[in-house]
């Protein structure tokens, strides 16, 4: 996806993942645990980032949150939104094998 404006070249996917994680950590004050999804968009990048929100014992009862992060082509964070909260041990019901 070519951008004609100088300085708006799309960063590679690994760099977009790093930047999503680092910039969200700066805003939330908590270190993300993983980037679970990343896709290019017409406006840049969209990522889903998993963050530990509340640490509990046992660890499987800790509260996690999934954040949707929008970035420009250069990987600069434009917006973020918490999509859901869940316990670490919780599995998505829509995941599973399909025959």
C-alpha atoms as a PDB file:
ATOM      1  CA  UNK A   1       0.000   0.000   0.000  1.00  0.00           C
ATOM      2  CA  UNK A   2       1.980   2.980  -1.148  1.00  0.00           C
ATOM      3  CA  UNK A   3       1.816   6.258   0.697  1.00  0.00           C
ATOM      4  CA  UNK A   4       2.921   9.324  -1.210  1.00  0.00           C
ATOM      5  CA  UNK A   5       3.468  11.537   1.827  1.00  0.00           C
ATOM      6  CA  UNK A   6       7.050  11.604   3.110  1.00  0.00           C
ATOM      7  CA  UNK A   7       7.568   9.821   6.415  1.00  0.00           C
ATOM      8  CA  UNK A   8       4.407   7.702   6.139  1.00  0.00           C
ATOM      9  CA  UNK A   9       6.034   4.503   4.924  1.00  0.00           C
ATOM     10  CA  UNK A  10       4.456   1.400   6.499  1.00  0.00           C
ATOM     11  CA  UNK A  11       6.654  -0.205   9.156  1.00  0.00           C
ATOM     12  CA  UNK A  12       7.098  -3.990   8.952  1.00  0.00           C
ATOM     13  CA  UNK A  13       4.726  -6.165  11.006  1.00  0.00           C
ATOM     14  CA  UNK A  14       7.271  -7.079  13.741  1.00  0.00           C
ATOM     15  CA  UNK A  15       7.992  -3.370  14.312  1.00  0.00           C
ATOM     16  CA  UNK A  16       4.260  -2.563  14.403  1.00  0.00           C
ATOM     17  CA  UNK A  17       3.798  -5.274  17.071  1.00  0.00           C
ATOM     18  CA  UNK A  18       6.634  -3.853  19.193  1.00  0.00           C
ATOM     19  CA  UNK A  19       5.328  -0.321  18.893  1.00  0.00           C
ATOM     20  CA  UNK A  20       1.743  -1.317  19.769  1.00  0.00           C
ATOM     21  CA  UNK A  21       2.986  -3.043  22.916  1.00  0.00           C
ATOM     22  CA  UNK A  22       5.396  -0.275  23.980  1.00  0.00           C
ATOM     23  CA  UNK A  23       3.029   2.627  23.379  1.00  0.00           C
ATOM     24  CA  UNK A  24       0.090   0.936  25.130  1.00  0.00           C
ATOM     25  CA  UNK A  25       2.354   0.162  28.118  1.00  0.00           C
ATOM     26  CA  UNK A  26       3.274   3.844  28.336  1.00  0.00           C
ATOM     27  CA  UNK A  27      -0.394   4.877  28.403  1.00  0.00           C
ATOM     28  CA  UNK A  28      -1.672   2.176  30.773  1.00  0.00           C
ATOM     29  CA  UNK A  29       1.293   1.919  33.116  1.00  0.00           C
ATOM     30  CA  UNK A  30       1.167  -1.880  32.710  1.00  0.00           C
ATOM     31  CA  UNK A  31       3.297  -4.052  30.456  1.00  0.00           C
ATOM     32  CA  UNK A  32       1.331  -6.003  27.823  1.00  0.00           C
ATOM     33  CA  UNK A  33       1.873  -9.754  27.832  1.00  0.00           C
ATOM     34  CA  UNK A  34       1.319 -10.363  24.131  1.00  0.00           C
ATOM     35  CA  UNK A  35       0.058  -9.075  20.825  1.00  0.00           C
ATOM     36  CA  UNK A  36      -2.568 -11.649  19.875  1.00  0.00           C
ATOM     37  CA  UNK A  37      -3.541 -10.171  16.509  1.00  0.00           C
ATOM     38  CA  UNK A  38      -2.121  -7.713  13.989  1.00  0.00           C
ATOM     39  CA  UNK A  39      -3.440  -6.678  10.606  1.00  0.00           C
ATOM     40  CA  UNK A  40      -2.716  -3.935   8.105  1.00  0.00           C
ATOM     41  CA  UNK A  41      -5.553  -1.502   7.412  1.00  0.00           C
ATOM     42  CA  UNK A  42      -6.049   1.299   4.902  1.00  0.00           C
ATOM     43  CA  UNK A  43      -5.098   3.740   7.680  1.00  0.00           C
ATOM     44  CA  UNK A  44      -2.102   1.841   9.091  1.00  0.00           C
ATOM     45  CA  UNK A  45      -2.246  -1.079  11.518  1.00  0.00           C
ATOM     46  CA  UNK A  46      -4.754  -2.619  13.914  1.00  0.00           C
ATOM     47  CA  UNK A  47      -3.567  -4.797  16.798  1.00  0.00           C
ATOM     48  CA  UNK A  48      -5.135  -6.714  19.645  1.00  0.00           C
ATOM     49  CA  UNK A  49      -2.974  -6.567  22.772  1.00  0.00           C
ATOM     50  CA  UNK A  50      -3.379  -8.680  25.925  1.00  0.00           C
ATOM     51  CA  UNK A  51      -2.611  -6.975  29.256  1.00  0.00           C
ATOM     52  CA  UNK A  52      -2.514  -8.293  32.842  1.00  0.00           C
ATOM     53  CA  UNK A  53      -4.941  -5.991  34.694  1.00  0.00           C
ATOM     54  CA  UNK A  54      -5.167  -7.638  38.116  1.00  0.00           C
ATOM     55  CA  UNK A  55      -2.697 -10.210  39.401  1.00  0.00           C
ATOM     56  CA  UNK A  56      -4.199 -12.898  41.629  1.00  0.00           C
ATOM     57  CA  UNK A  57      -3.165 -16.168  43.234  1.00  0.00           C
ATOM     58  CA  UNK A  58      -3.536 -18.699  41.779  1.00  0.00           C
ATOM     59  CA  UNK A  59      -2.319 -17.163  38.525  1.00  0.00           C
ATOM     60  CA  UNK A  60      -5.170 -18.746  36.564  1.00  0.00           C
ATOM     61  CA  UNK A  61      -7.611 -16.369  38.313  1.00  0.00           C
ATOM     62  CA  UNK A  62      -5.684 -13.216  37.317  1.00  0.00           C
ATOM     63  CA  UNK A  63      -7.741 -10.703  35.324  1.00  0.00           C
ATOM     64  CA  UNK A  64      -6.602 -10.036  31.765  1.00  0.00           C
ATOM     65  CA  UNK A  65      -7.825  -7.449  29.280  1.00  0.00           C
ATOM     66  CA  UNK A  66      -7.805  -7.368  25.520  1.00  0.00           C
ATOM     67  CA  UNK A  67      -7.196  -3.955  23.930  1.00  0.00           C
ATOM     68  CA  UNK A  68      -7.808  -2.947  20.331  1.00  0.00           C
ATOM     69  CA  UNK A  69      -5.046  -0.584  19.183  1.00  0.00           C
ATOM     70  CA  UNK A  70      -5.116   1.551  16.010  1.00  0.00           C
ATOM     71  CA  UNK A  71      -1.831   2.842  14.599  1.00  0.00           C
ATOM     72  CA  UNK A  72      -0.829   4.919  11.587  1.00  0.00           C
ATOM     73  CA  UNK A  73       1.413   3.361   8.884  1.00  0.00           C
ATOM     74  CA  UNK A  74       4.555   4.468  10.768  1.00  0.00           C
ATOM     75  CA  UNK A  75       3.374   2.593  13.889  1.00  0.00           C
ATOM     76  CA  UNK A  76       2.329   5.620  15.960  1.00  0.00           C
ATOM     77  CA  UNK A  77      -0.613   4.891  18.240  1.00  0.00           C
ATOM     78  CA  UNK A  78      -3.773   6.751  17.220  1.00  0.00           C
ATOM     79  CA  UNK A  79      -6.386   5.157  19.495  1.00  0.00           C
ATOM     80  CA  UNK A  80      -6.998   2.266  21.835  1.00  0.00           C
ATOM     81  CA  UNK A  81     -10.054   0.656  23.414  1.00  0.00           C
ATOM     82  CA  UNK A  82     -10.481  -2.115  25.959  1.00  0.00           C
ATOM     83  CA  UNK A  83     -12.613  -4.756  24.234  1.00  0.00           C
ATOM     84  CA  UNK A  84     -13.047  -7.283  27.048  1.00  0.00           C
ATOM     85  CA  UNK A  85     -11.836  -8.529  30.416  1.00  0.00           C
ATOM     86  CA  UNK A  86     -11.429 -12.186  31.300  1.00  0.00           C
ATOM     87  CA  UNK A  87      -9.639 -14.523  33.705  1.00  0.00           C
ATOM     88  CA  UNK A  88      -6.344 -15.957  32.506  1.00  0.00           C
ATOM     89  CA  UNK A  89      -7.762 -19.500  32.505  1.00  0.00           C
ATOM     90  CA  UNK A  90     -10.828 -18.560  30.430  1.00  0.00           C
ATOM     91  CA  UNK A  91     -11.050 -19.999  26.932  1.00  0.00           C
ATOM     92  CA  UNK A  92     -12.956 -18.367  24.100  1.00  0.00           C
ATOM     93  CA  UNK A  93     -16.058 -20.391  23.301  1.00  0.00           C
ATOM     94  CA  UNK A  94     -15.808 -19.671  19.586  1.00  0.00           C
ATOM     95  CA  UNK A  95     -12.340 -21.230  19.363  1.00  0.00           C
ATOM     96  CA  UNK A  96     -11.995 -24.892  18.633  1.00  0.00           C
ATOM     97  CA  UNK A  97     -11.586 -27.365  15.862  1.00  0.00           C
ATOM     98  CA  UNK A  98     -13.863 -27.254  12.879  1.00  0.00           C
ATOM     99  CA  UNK A  99     -14.362 -30.261  10.710  1.00  0.00           C
END
